[in-house]
Amino acid sequence: MMFGNESAMQSGCSASAGCSSPAVGPSLTHGSGLLDSATELFIIRSDFRSALTACEKGLERLTRADEQEQSSARYGELKAALCIVGIQALAELNQWHDVLTWVLQHYGETEQIPAKIMQMCILLYTKVSEQAEVQEAVQTWLHCSSNSSLPGYSSVAELYTLHVLLPLGQTAEAKQLLMGDVGQVAFTEEQRQTALAILKDHDAKKTNRSDPSPEPVPVEAEKKITLQGSVVRKLNAVMRLLYRGLSLAGVTAWSRFIHRTAVLLFLLYLLLVRMDPALPSAYPWILQLYRLWQQMWNAMFGPYYRASS
């Protein structure tokens, strides 16, 4: 199950490339090698299980890094890159429901998750239409003051508003976020007004869907629909009889003609099934075609006196 795989893997690969410089310590060196291995297993071999294992080994190795290694910028980049590949591997293994828990195991607290990983989590749970699973974590992350200065803070806020709150129908919460402290930091005035316009349009469409004003169906149209349903049921019975007749016909001089006729009837039958039964214009066509089928059936399988009548 791919979701934004190209950009995510580019982030992982760029971090991997950045880790090709001389390592600060043995933990970073080992973690960098495992990142390269995980990336190769994921992209080239499509061995997602082994790629996930390599990521977990790399992350475990990073936990043993000394204080000097953990304070370096390279440590954070390497850890994020391993998590990015690991998230992709979990998604491909259809273990998306474990992604957020898996990320928290390696970062400890929601507030400590990097912005790009939080973005990936939002996109993943949006892909599987389970936005509620990530809502609380993203909300906690956005209200952490130390995260508001991160470069990806605005993107997380935007994804959260449009891809989590809006699909869940929580437009009131979305408006509150836009007008509150998060919105003031994450968006410009123009961006905020654009988002509010989107929410307003969503509410208007939702109101129209919940309060439709259907036109009354004429009595004659109801009768036609009922009669059409009866014709379709009879047509289904004819098709079943045709199939039974073909099974009994065997290999005879008429078999080729019968089979060709059956193929034609079956294709037309599929066409009829896909027609909208609510359209009154479809009824005369179905009725006329049904009569034609009945005549052909009598000609091929009925007694001679019915075929000649």
Protein backbone atom coordinates (compact mmCIF):
# COMPACT_ATOMS: atom_id res chain seq x y z
CA MET A 1 0.00 0.00 0.00
CA MET A 2 1.88 3.03 -1.25
CA PHE A 3 1.15 6.53 0.06
CA GLY A 4 3.38 9.39 -1.01
CA ASN A 5 6.11 6.78 -1.42
CA GLU A 6 8.28 8.78 -3.82
CA SER A 7 8.70 11.84 -1.62
CA ALA A 8 9.10 9.76 1.51
CA MET A 9 11.77 7.56 0.01
CA GLN A 10 13.55 10.62 -1.36
CA SER A 11 13.71 11.95 2.20
CA GLY A 12 15.07 8.64 3.43
CA CYS A 13 17.60 8.39 0.61
CA SER A 14 18.77 11.97 1.05
CA ALA A 15 19.37 11.31 4.72
CA SER A 16 21.20 8.15 3.77
CA ALA A 17 23.38 10.08 1.35
CA GLY A 18 24.10 12.63 4.02
CA CYS A 19 25.26 9.80 6.29
CA SER A 20 27.97 8.73 3.87
CA SER A 21 30.36 11.33 5.36
CA PRO A 22 32.80 10.26 8.11
CA ALA A 23 30.85 9.06 11.13
CA VAL A 24 31.02 10.77 14.49
CA GLY A 25 30.92 7.45 16.37
CA PRO A 26 30.40 3.70 15.94
CA SER A 27 26.65 3.85 16.62
CA LEU A 28 26.09 6.33 13.80
CA THR A 29 28.32 4.32 11.48
CA HIS A 30 26.41 1.13 12.16
CA GLY A 31 23.05 2.90 11.91
CA SER A 32 24.03 4.46 8.58
CA GLY A 33 24.94 1.04 7.17
CA LEU A 34 21.62 -0.39 8.30
CA LEU A 35 19.78 2.53 6.71
CA ASP A 36 21.50 1.82 3.40
CA SER A 37 20.58 -1.85 3.73
CA ALA A 38 16.94 -1.09 4.59
CA THR A 39 16.63 1.29 1.65
CA GLU A 40 18.04 -1.29 -0.74
CA LEU A 41 15.73 -4.03 0.61
CA PHE A 42 12.72 -1.76 0.27
CA ILE A 43 13.31 -0.17 -3.15
CA ILE A 44 15.28 -2.77 -5.07
CA ARG A 45 14.21 -6.11 -3.58
CA SER A 46 10.74 -5.16 -2.28
CA ASP A 47 11.53 -7.22 0.83
CA PHE A 48 9.48 -5.14 3.23
CA ARG A 49 9.81 -7.47 6.20
CA SER A 50 13.60 -7.47 6.03
CA ALA A 51 13.62 -3.71 5.46
CA LEU A 52 11.59 -3.21 8.64
CA THR A 53 13.96 -5.48 10.55
CA ALA A 54 16.95 -3.48 9.34
CA CYS A 55 15.29 -0.22 10.43
CA GLU A 56 14.55 -1.60 13.88
CA LYS A 57 18.13 -2.79 14.27
CA GLY A 58 19.40 0.62 13.22
CA LEU A 59 17.11 2.40 15.68
CA GLU A 60 18.13 0.02 18.44
CA ARG A 61 21.75 0.75 17.67
CA LEU A 62 21.11 4.49 17.93
CA THR A 63 19.75 4.07 21.45
CA ARG A 64 23.25 2.97 22.45
CA ALA A 65 24.84 6.14 21.09
CA ASP A 66 26.76 8.26 23.56
CA GLU A 67 25.80 11.79 24.53
CA GLN A 68 28.07 13.37 21.95
CA GLU A 69 26.53 11.37 19.12
CA GLN A 70 22.96 12.07 20.24
CA SER A 71 23.62 15.81 20.35
CA SER A 72 24.74 15.90 16.71
CA ALA A 73 22.37 16.93 13.90
CA ARG A 74 23.29 13.78 12.05
CA TYR A 75 21.84 11.64 14.81
CA GLY A 76 18.37 13.19 14.38
CA GLU A 77 18.50 12.93 10.59
CA LEU A 78 19.55 9.28 10.69
CA LYS A 79 16.87 8.38 13.20
CA ALA A 80 14.18 10.13 11.16
CA ALA A 81 15.36 8.43 7.96
CA LEU A 82 15.18 4.99 9.58
CA CYS A 83 11.66 5.76 10.82
CA ILE A 84 10.58 6.94 7.36
CA VAL A 85 11.65 3.68 5.71
CA GLY A 86 10.14 1.73 8.60
CA ILE A 87 6.77 3.47 8.22
CA GLN A 88 6.75 2.65 4.53
CA ALA A 89 7.58 -0.97 5.27
CA LEU A 90 4.77 -1.25 7.82
CA ALA A 91 2.33 0.23 5.32
CA GLU A 92 3.39 -2.25 2.64
CA LEU A 93 2.96 -5.09 5.12
CA ASN A 94 -0.59 -3.81 5.80
CA GLN A 95 0.35 -3.05 9.40
CA TRP A 96 -0.63 0.60 9.17
CA HIS A 97 -2.54 0.43 12.46
CA ASP A 98 0.79 -0.11 14.27
CA VAL A 99 2.59 2.85 12.71
CA LEU A 100 1.87 5.50 15.34
CA THR A 101 2.60 3.11 18.21
CA TRP A 102 5.82 2.03 16.49
CA VAL A 103 6.96 5.63 16.05
CA LEU A 104 6.20 6.44 19.69
CA GLN A 105 8.29 3.47 20.80
CA HIS A 106 11.34 5.16 19.28
CA TYR A 107 10.59 8.79 20.17
CA GLY A 108 9.00 8.28 23.57
CA GLU A 109 6.66 11.27 23.47
CA THR A 110 4.37 12.62 20.78
CA GLU A 111 5.85 16.09 21.09
CA GLN A 112 9.31 14.72 20.16
CA ILE A 113 8.23 13.32 16.77
CA PRO A 114 9.78 15.26 13.85
CA ALA A 115 7.43 17.25 11.65
CA LYS A 116 8.08 15.20 8.50
CA ILE A 117 7.23 11.97 10.31
CA MET A 118 4.05 13.50 11.70
CA GLN A 119 3.13 14.51 8.15
CA MET A 120 3.68 10.93 6.98
CA CYS A 121 1.45 9.59 9.76
CA ILE A 122 -1.35 11.96 8.74
CA LEU A 123 -1.07 10.95 5.08
CA LEU A 124 -1.00 7.25 5.94
CA TYR A 125 -4.07 7.29 8.18
CA THR A 126 -5.83 9.47 5.61
CA LYS A 127 -5.02 6.90 2.93
CA VAL A 128 -6.80 4.17 4.92
CA SER A 129 -9.63 6.55 5.99
CA GLU A 130 -8.78 6.20 9.68
CA GLN A 131 -8.08 9.84 10.53
CA ALA A 132 -9.50 9.46 14.02
CA GLU A 133 -6.58 7.18 14.92
CA VAL A 134 -4.08 10.01 14.54
CA GLN A 135 -6.21 12.99 15.60
CA GLU A 136 -5.26 13.10 19.27
CA ALA A 137 -1.54 12.69 18.58
CA VAL A 138 -1.47 15.48 15.98
CA GLN A 139 -3.46 17.80 18.19
CA THR A 140 -1.01 17.23 21.04
CA TRP A 141 1.92 17.82 18.71
CA LEU A 142 0.50 21.08 17.33
CA HIS A 143 -0.14 22.52 20.79
CA CYS A 144 3.45 21.93 21.88
CA SER A 145 5.08 25.37 21.87
CA SER A 146 8.53 23.99 21.04
CA ASN A 147 7.22 22.57 17.75
CA SER A 148 5.81 25.88 16.49
CA SER A 149 9.25 27.01 15.37
CA LEU A 150 9.92 23.89 13.29
CA PRO A 151 10.03 24.34 9.48
CA GLY A 152 7.29 21.75 8.92
CA TYR A 153 4.86 23.09 11.52
CA SER A 154 2.65 24.86 8.97
CA SER A 155 2.43 21.75 6.78
CA VAL A 156 1.35 19.60 9.73
CA ALA A 157 -1.32 22.16 10.67
CA GLU A 158 -2.58 22.30 7.09
CA LEU A 159 -2.73 18.51 6.71
CA TYR A 160 -4.46 18.20 10.07
CA THR A 161 -7.11 20.77 9.17
CA LEU A 162 -7.92 19.57 5.64
CA HIS A 163 -7.20 15.84 5.87
CA VAL A 164 -8.23 14.99 9.44
CA LEU A 165 -10.75 17.45 10.84
CA LEU A 166 -12.57 18.16 7.58
CA PRO A 167 -13.17 14.48 6.57
CA LEU A 168 -14.31 13.75 10.14
CA GLY A 169 -16.88 16.54 9.82
CA GLN A 170 -15.35 18.52 12.68
CA THR A 171 -15.52 21.89 11.00
CA ALA A 172 -16.16 23.72 14.28
CA GLU A 173 -12.90 22.34 15.69
CA ALA A 174 -11.13 23.27 12.47
CA LYS A 175 -12.36 26.87 12.63
CA GLN A 176 -11.31 27.08 16.27
CA LEU A 177 -7.84 25.85 15.37
CA LEU A 178 -7.52 28.32 12.51
CA MET A 179 -8.55 31.27 14.66
CA GLY A 180 -6.60 30.16 17.73
CA ASP A 181 -2.93 30.15 18.63
CA VAL A 182 -2.09 27.34 16.21
CA GLY A 183 -3.64 29.13 13.26
CA GLN A 184 -2.00 32.43 14.14
CA VAL A 185 1.44 30.79 14.07
CA ALA A 186 0.97 28.28 11.25
CA PHE A 187 -0.88 30.35 8.64
CA THR A 188 -0.78 33.76 7.08
CA GLU A 189 -3.99 35.78 7.01
CA GLU A 190 -4.55 34.85 3.36
CA GLN A 191 -4.05 31.16 4.04
CA ARG A 192 -6.41 31.31 7.00
CA GLN A 193 -9.15 32.99 4.99
CA THR A 194 -8.75 30.41 2.21
CA ALA A 195 -9.07 27.57 4.72
CA LEU A 196 -12.16 29.16 6.28
CA ALA A 197 -13.74 29.46 2.83
CA ILE A 198 -13.11 25.73 2.25
CA LEU A 199 -14.77 24.89 5.58
CA LYS A 200 -17.74 27.10 4.76
CA ASP A 201 -18.19 25.42 1.39
CA HIS A 202 -17.97 22.00 3.06
CA ASP A 203 -20.70 22.94 5.56
CA ALA A 204 -22.94 24.22 2.74
CA LYS A 205 -22.59 20.98 0.79
CA LYS A 206 -23.25 18.94 3.92
CA THR A 207 -26.43 20.91 4.59
CA ASN A 208 -27.66 20.35 1.04
CA ARG A 209 -27.03 16.60 1.32
CA SER A 210 -28.81 16.31 4.66
CA ASP A 211 -31.87 18.32 3.56
CA PRO A 212 -32.74 17.25 0.01
CA SER A 213 -35.99 18.27 -1.65
CA PRO A 214 -36.84 15.43 -4.02
CA GLU A 215 -39.60 15.90 -6.51
CA PRO A 216 -42.63 13.62 -6.12
CA VAL A 217 -42.58 10.58 -8.38
CA PRO A 218 -45.67 10.35 -10.61
CA VAL A 219 -47.89 7.31 -10.16
CA GLU A 220 -47.38 6.28 -13.79
CA ALA A 221 -43.60 6.34 -13.32
CA GLU A 222 -43.94 4.11 -10.24
CA LYS A 223 -46.00 1.62 -12.24
CA LYS A 224 -43.41 1.61 -15.01
CA ILE A 225 -40.60 0.97 -12.56
CA THR A 226 -42.55 -1.90 -10.97
CA LEU A 227 -43.35 -3.42 -14.35
CA GLN A 228 -39.74 -2.97 -15.44
CA GLY A 229 -38.59 -4.91 -12.37
CA SER A 230 -40.88 -7.75 -13.38
CA VAL A 231 -39.47 -7.73 -16.91
CA VAL A 232 -35.91 -7.83 -15.59
CA ARG A 233 -36.77 -10.81 -13.41
CA LYS A 234 -38.23 -12.59 -16.41
CA LEU A 235 -35.14 -11.73 -18.38
CA ASN A 236 -33.03 -13.30 -15.66
CA ALA A 237 -35.12 -16.45 -15.90
CA VAL A 238 -34.65 -16.52 -19.68
CA MET A 239 -30.88 -16.27 -19.27
CA ARG A 240 -30.89 -19.15 -16.80
CA LEU A 241 -32.93 -21.26 -19.21
CA LEU A 242 -30.56 -20.36 -22.01
CA TYR A 243 -27.59 -21.53 -19.96
CA ARG A 244 -29.40 -24.79 -19.14
CA GLY A 245 -30.23 -25.31 -22.81
CA LEU A 246 -26.61 -24.83 -23.77
CA SER A 247 -25.54 -27.39 -21.20
CA LEU A 248 -27.96 -29.94 -22.67
CA ALA A 249 -27.28 -29.13 -26.29
CA GLY A 250 -23.88 -30.85 -26.38
CA VAL A 251 -21.75 -30.89 -29.52
CA THR A 252 -24.18 -30.77 -32.40
CA ALA A 253 -24.43 -29.06 -35.71
CA TRP A 254 -26.29 -26.22 -34.00
CA SER A 255 -23.81 -25.78 -31.13
CA ARG A 256 -21.67 -23.13 -32.84
CA PHE A 257 -24.72 -21.06 -33.73
CA ILE A 258 -26.15 -21.47 -30.25
CA HIS A 259 -22.94 -20.47 -28.54
CA ARG A 260 -22.54 -17.38 -30.71
CA THR A 261 -26.11 -16.40 -29.96
CA ALA A 262 -25.49 -16.95 -26.26
CA VAL A 263 -22.48 -14.66 -26.31
CA LEU A 264 -24.52 -11.95 -27.98
CA LEU A 265 -27.36 -12.34 -25.51
CA PHE A 266 -25.00 -12.31 -22.57
CA LEU A 267 -23.29 -9.10 -23.68
CA LEU A 268 -26.63 -7.41 -24.14
CA TYR A 269 -27.73 -8.75 -20.78
CA LEU A 270 -24.75 -7.08 -19.12
CA LEU A 271 -25.69 -3.86 -20.86
CA LEU A 272 -29.21 -4.09 -19.46
CA VAL A 273 -28.04 -4.79 -15.95
CA ARG A 274 -25.87 -1.65 -15.97
CA MET A 275 -28.78 0.53 -17.08
CA ASP A 276 -30.36 2.76 -14.47
CA PRO A 277 -33.74 1.14 -13.61
CA ALA A 278 -35.06 4.49 -12.43
CA LEU A 279 -35.02 5.90 -15.96
CA PRO A 280 -38.47 5.62 -17.56
CA SER A 281 -36.83 5.70 -20.98
CA ALA A 282 -35.21 2.34 -20.27
CA TYR A 283 -38.49 0.46 -19.94
CA PRO A 284 -39.61 0.29 -23.62
CA TRP A 285 -36.14 -0.85 -24.64
CA ILE A 286 -36.09 -3.68 -22.05
CA LEU A 287 -39.60 -4.80 -22.92
CA GLN A 288 -38.90 -4.88 -26.66
CA LEU A 289 -35.64 -6.74 -26.17
CA TYR A 290 -37.30 -9.25 -23.87
CA ARG A 291 -39.89 -10.06 -26.55
CA LEU A 292 -37.07 -10.54 -29.05
CA TRP A 293 -35.31 -12.93 -26.67
CA GLN A 294 -38.52 -14.87 -26.19
CA GLN A 295 -39.00 -15.29 -29.95
CA MET A 296 -35.41 -16.44 -30.41
CA TRP A 297 -35.77 -18.89 -27.52
CA ASN A 298 -38.91 -20.42 -29.05
CA ALA A 299 -37.20 -20.67 -32.42
CA MET A 300 -34.16 -22.49 -31.04
CA PHE A 301 -35.55 -24.65 -28.24
CA GLY A 302 -39.34 -24.62 -28.42
CA PRO A 303 -41.61 -27.18 -30.16
CA TYR A 304 -41.98 -26.83 -33.90
CA TYR A 305 -45.55 -25.54 -33.69
CA ARG A 306 -44.40 -22.63 -31.45
CA ALA A 307 -41.46 -21.81 -33.69
CA SER A 308 -43.65 -21.58 -36.77
CA SER A 309 -46.37 -19.46 -35.21
